[in-house]
Amino acid sequence: MSEIIVRIISVVDPKAIQIVGAAGQTAQGLLNCEGETDKIIDDYTCQACSFRLEVSEGKFIIEVHHLNPLGELANASLTSIDDLVCLCPTCHRIAHTRPRSPLPLAEIRALRI
């Protein structure tokens, strides 16, 4: 597994980050913007089992899962919205039960039926 370094690069905007890959490549972006956008796009609904839990008005329990795990990236890269999917905590845990790489959505769905 290669080492990934994340640095805050702006005092004005602490969400501005730089990602440095093991070979020294760098990429910059905003921390967590894509994850929050993905939650809205997916309507705070698990994309594996369709579960949606609103605990209070406008507050949901949902997690954002990286389809391409950050720990497996050989080079620095930015996460795009297409690399993210909303999963409920149960499905997110199921996704990470395989030792090396997460289970794909189709396998998670099959386990939940």
C-alpha atoms as a PDB file:
ATOM      1  CA  MET A   1       0.000   0.000   0.000  1.00  0.00           C
ATOM      2  CA  SER A   2       1.396   3.410  -0.933  1.00  0.00           C
ATOM      3  CA  GLU A   3       1.477   6.363   1.414  1.00  0.00           C
ATOM      4  CA  ILE A   4      -0.942   9.198   0.671  1.00  0.00           C
ATOM      5  CA  ILE A   5      -0.371  12.588   2.315  1.00  0.00           C
ATOM      6  CA  VAL A   6      -3.140  15.167   2.669  1.00  0.00           C
ATOM      7  CA  ARG A   7      -2.138  18.753   3.501  1.00  0.00           C
ATOM      8  CA  ILE A   8      -4.307  21.781   4.252  1.00  0.00           C
ATOM      9  CA  ILE A   9      -3.087  24.456   1.826  1.00  0.00           C
ATOM     10  CA  SER A  10      -5.140  27.513   2.779  1.00  0.00           C
ATOM     11  CA  VAL A  11      -5.563  29.346   6.062  1.00  0.00           C
ATOM     12  CA  VAL A  12      -8.604  31.139   4.609  1.00  0.00           C
ATOM     13  CA  ASP A  13     -10.324  27.884   3.524  1.00  0.00           C
ATOM     14  CA  PRO A  14      -9.337  24.875   5.695  1.00  0.00           C
ATOM     15  CA  LYS A  15     -11.199  22.584   3.289  1.00  0.00           C
ATOM     16  CA  ALA A  16      -8.662  23.390   0.536  1.00  0.00           C
ATOM     17  CA  ILE A  17      -6.310  20.428   0.431  1.00  0.00           C
ATOM     18  CA  GLN A  18      -3.373  19.048  -1.513  1.00  0.00           C
ATOM     19  CA  ILE A  19      -3.004  15.293  -1.970  1.00  0.00           C
ATOM     20  CA  VAL A  20       0.519  13.914  -2.449  1.00  0.00           C
ATOM     21  CA  GLY A  21       0.990  10.395  -3.850  1.00  0.00           C
ATOM     22  CA  ALA A  22       3.831   8.014  -3.051  1.00  0.00           C
ATOM     23  CA  ALA A  23       5.736   9.010  -6.200  1.00  0.00           C
ATOM     24  CA  GLY A  24       5.426  12.722  -5.354  1.00  0.00           C
ATOM     25  CA  GLN A  25       2.571  13.600  -7.727  1.00  0.00           C
ATOM     26  CA  THR A  26       0.197  16.196  -6.348  1.00  0.00           C
ATOM     27  CA  ALA A  27      -3.424  17.176  -6.830  1.00  0.00           C
ATOM     28  CA  GLN A  28      -5.471  19.890  -5.164  1.00  0.00           C
ATOM     29  CA  GLY A  29      -9.141  20.244  -4.348  1.00  0.00           C
ATOM     30  CA  LEU A  30     -11.683  20.936  -1.653  1.00  0.00           C
ATOM     31  CA  LEU A  31     -12.154  18.482   1.174  1.00  0.00           C
ATOM     32  CA  ASN A  32     -15.572  16.841   1.422  1.00  0.00           C
ATOM     33  CA  CYS A  33     -17.361  18.882  -1.267  1.00  0.00           C
ATOM     34  CA  GLU A  34     -17.920  15.864  -3.482  1.00  0.00           C
ATOM     35  CA  GLY A  35     -19.189  13.762  -0.568  1.00  0.00           C
ATOM     36  CA  GLU A  36     -21.780  16.316   0.439  1.00  0.00           C
ATOM     37  CA  THR A  37     -22.844  16.739  -3.187  1.00  0.00           C
ATOM     38  CA  ASP A  38     -23.183  12.966  -3.578  1.00  0.00           C
ATOM     39  CA  LYS A  39     -25.477  12.787  -0.548  1.00  0.00           C
ATOM     40  CA  ILE A  40     -27.778  15.348  -2.134  1.00  0.00           C
ATOM     41  CA  ILE A  41     -27.681  13.665  -5.571  1.00  0.00           C
ATOM     42  CA  ASP A  42     -28.490  10.274  -4.008  1.00  0.00           C
ATOM     43  CA  ASP A  43     -31.223  11.879  -1.854  1.00  0.00           C
ATOM     44  CA  TYR A  44     -29.524  10.566   1.313  1.00  0.00           C
ATOM     45  CA  THR A  45     -30.497   7.057   0.200  1.00  0.00           C
ATOM     46  CA  CYS A  46     -28.370   3.913   0.269  1.00  0.00           C
ATOM     47  CA  GLN A  47     -27.578   2.922  -3.309  1.00  0.00           C
ATOM     48  CA  ALA A  48     -27.307  -0.759  -2.332  1.00  0.00           C
ATOM     49  CA  CYS A  49     -30.470  -1.353  -0.280  1.00  0.00           C
ATOM     50  CA  SER A  50     -32.518   1.883  -0.738  1.00  0.00           C
ATOM     51  CA  PHE A  51     -32.599   2.540   3.028  1.00  0.00           C
ATOM     52  CA  ARG A  52     -33.069   6.215   3.981  1.00  0.00           C
ATOM     53  CA  LEU A  53     -33.036   7.354   7.606  1.00  0.00           C
ATOM     54  CA  GLU A  54     -33.961  10.906   8.553  1.00  0.00           C
ATOM     55  CA  VAL A  55     -33.266  11.233  12.294  1.00  0.00           C
ATOM     56  CA  SER A  56     -34.616  14.771  12.538  1.00  0.00           C
ATOM     57  CA  GLU A  57     -35.739  17.386  10.065  1.00  0.00           C
ATOM     58  CA  GLY A  58     -33.014  17.646   7.438  1.00  0.00           C
ATOM     59  CA  LYS A  59     -30.575  15.358   9.333  1.00  0.00           C
ATOM     60  CA  PHE A  60     -29.810  11.969   7.797  1.00  0.00           C
ATOM     61  CA  ILE A  61     -27.638   8.987   8.626  1.00  0.00           C
ATOM     62  CA  ILE A  62     -25.796   8.077   5.429  1.00  0.00           C
ATOM     63  CA  GLU A  63     -22.166   7.431   4.529  1.00  0.00           C
ATOM     64  CA  VAL A  64     -20.226   8.187   1.366  1.00  0.00           C
ATOM     65  CA  HIS A  65     -18.234   5.250   0.002  1.00  0.00           C
ATOM     66  CA  HIS A  66     -15.229   5.575  -2.348  1.00  0.00           C
ATOM     67  CA  LEU A  67     -15.645   3.118  -5.227  1.00  0.00           C
ATOM     68  CA  ASN A  68     -11.886   3.436  -5.797  1.00  0.00           C
ATOM     69  CA  PRO A  69     -10.412   3.239  -2.267  1.00  0.00           C
ATOM     70  CA  LEU A  70      -7.975   6.022  -1.400  1.00  0.00           C
ATOM     71  CA  GLY A  71      -5.536   3.495   0.053  1.00  0.00           C
ATOM     72  CA  GLU A  72      -5.198   1.770  -3.316  1.00  0.00           C
ATOM     73  CA  LEU A  73      -4.259   4.908  -5.254  1.00  0.00           C
ATOM     74  CA  ALA A  74      -0.697   4.722  -6.577  1.00  0.00           C
ATOM     75  CA  ASN A  75      -0.701   8.355  -7.675  1.00  0.00           C
ATOM     76  CA  ALA A  76      -2.203  11.502  -6.276  1.00  0.00           C
ATOM     77  CA  SER A  77      -5.664  12.177  -7.618  1.00  0.00           C
ATOM     78  CA  LEU A  78      -8.820  14.082  -6.821  1.00  0.00           C
ATOM     79  CA  THR A  79     -11.998  12.255  -5.991  1.00  0.00           C
ATOM     80  CA  SER A  80     -14.750  12.954  -8.489  1.00  0.00           C
ATOM     81  CA  ILE A  81     -18.450  12.631  -7.830  1.00  0.00           C
ATOM     82  CA  ASP A  82     -18.458   9.531 -10.063  1.00  0.00           C
ATOM     83  CA  ASP A  83     -16.081   7.797  -7.616  1.00  0.00           C
ATOM     84  CA  LEU A  84     -18.535   8.156  -4.720  1.00  0.00           C
ATOM     85  CA  VAL A  85     -21.747   6.396  -3.751  1.00  0.00           C
ATOM     86  CA  CYS A  86     -24.031   6.737  -0.717  1.00  0.00           C
ATOM     87  CA  LEU A  87     -24.353   3.661   1.496  1.00  0.00           C
ATOM     88  CA  CYS A  88     -26.155   3.113   4.787  1.00  0.00           C
ATOM     89  CA  PRO A  89     -23.803   2.145   7.647  1.00  0.00           C
ATOM     90  CA  THR A  90     -24.710  -1.553   7.292  1.00  0.00           C
ATOM     91  CA  CYS A  91     -24.020  -1.704   3.557  1.00  0.00           C
ATOM     92  CA  HIS A  92     -20.841   0.348   4.006  1.00  0.00           C
ATOM     93  CA  ARG A  93     -19.608  -2.196   6.542  1.00  0.00           C
ATOM     94  CA  ILE A  94     -20.506  -5.043   4.170  1.00  0.00           C
ATOM     95  CA  ALA A  95     -18.604  -3.276   1.361  1.00  0.00           C
ATOM     96  CA  HIS A  96     -15.408  -3.451   3.408  1.00  0.00           C
ATOM     97  CA  THR A  97     -15.628  -7.098   4.504  1.00  0.00           C
ATOM     98  CA  ARG A  98     -13.326  -8.270   1.702  1.00  0.00           C
ATOM     99  CA  PRO A  99      -9.665  -7.863   2.739  1.00  0.00           C
ATOM    100  CA  ARG A 100      -8.141  -6.154  -0.332  1.00  0.00           C
ATOM    101  CA  SER A 101     -10.823  -4.226  -2.190  1.00  0.00           C
ATOM    102  CA  PRO A 102     -14.438  -3.368  -1.417  1.00  0.00           C
ATOM    103  CA  LEU A 103     -17.327  -5.423  -2.686  1.00  0.00           C
ATOM    104  CA  PRO A 104     -19.095  -3.926  -5.712  1.00  0.00           C
ATOM    105  CA  LEU A 105     -22.652  -2.661  -5.300  1.00  0.00           C
ATOM    106  CA  ALA A 106     -24.136  -5.690  -7.089  1.00  0.00           C
ATOM    107  CA  GLU A 107     -22.563  -8.067  -4.541  1.00  0.00           C
ATOM    108  CA  ILE A 108     -23.751  -5.953  -1.615  1.00  0.00           C
ATOM    109  CA  ARG A 109     -27.275  -5.940  -3.057  1.00  0.00           C
ATOM    110  CA  ALA A 110     -27.188  -9.732  -3.468  1.00  0.00           C
ATOM    111  CA  LEU A 111     -26.175 -10.158   0.185  1.00  0.00           C
ATOM    112  CA  ARG A 112     -28.990  -7.886   1.397  1.00  0.00           C
ATOM    113  CA  ILE A 113     -31.799  -9.799  -0.381  1.00  0.00           C
END
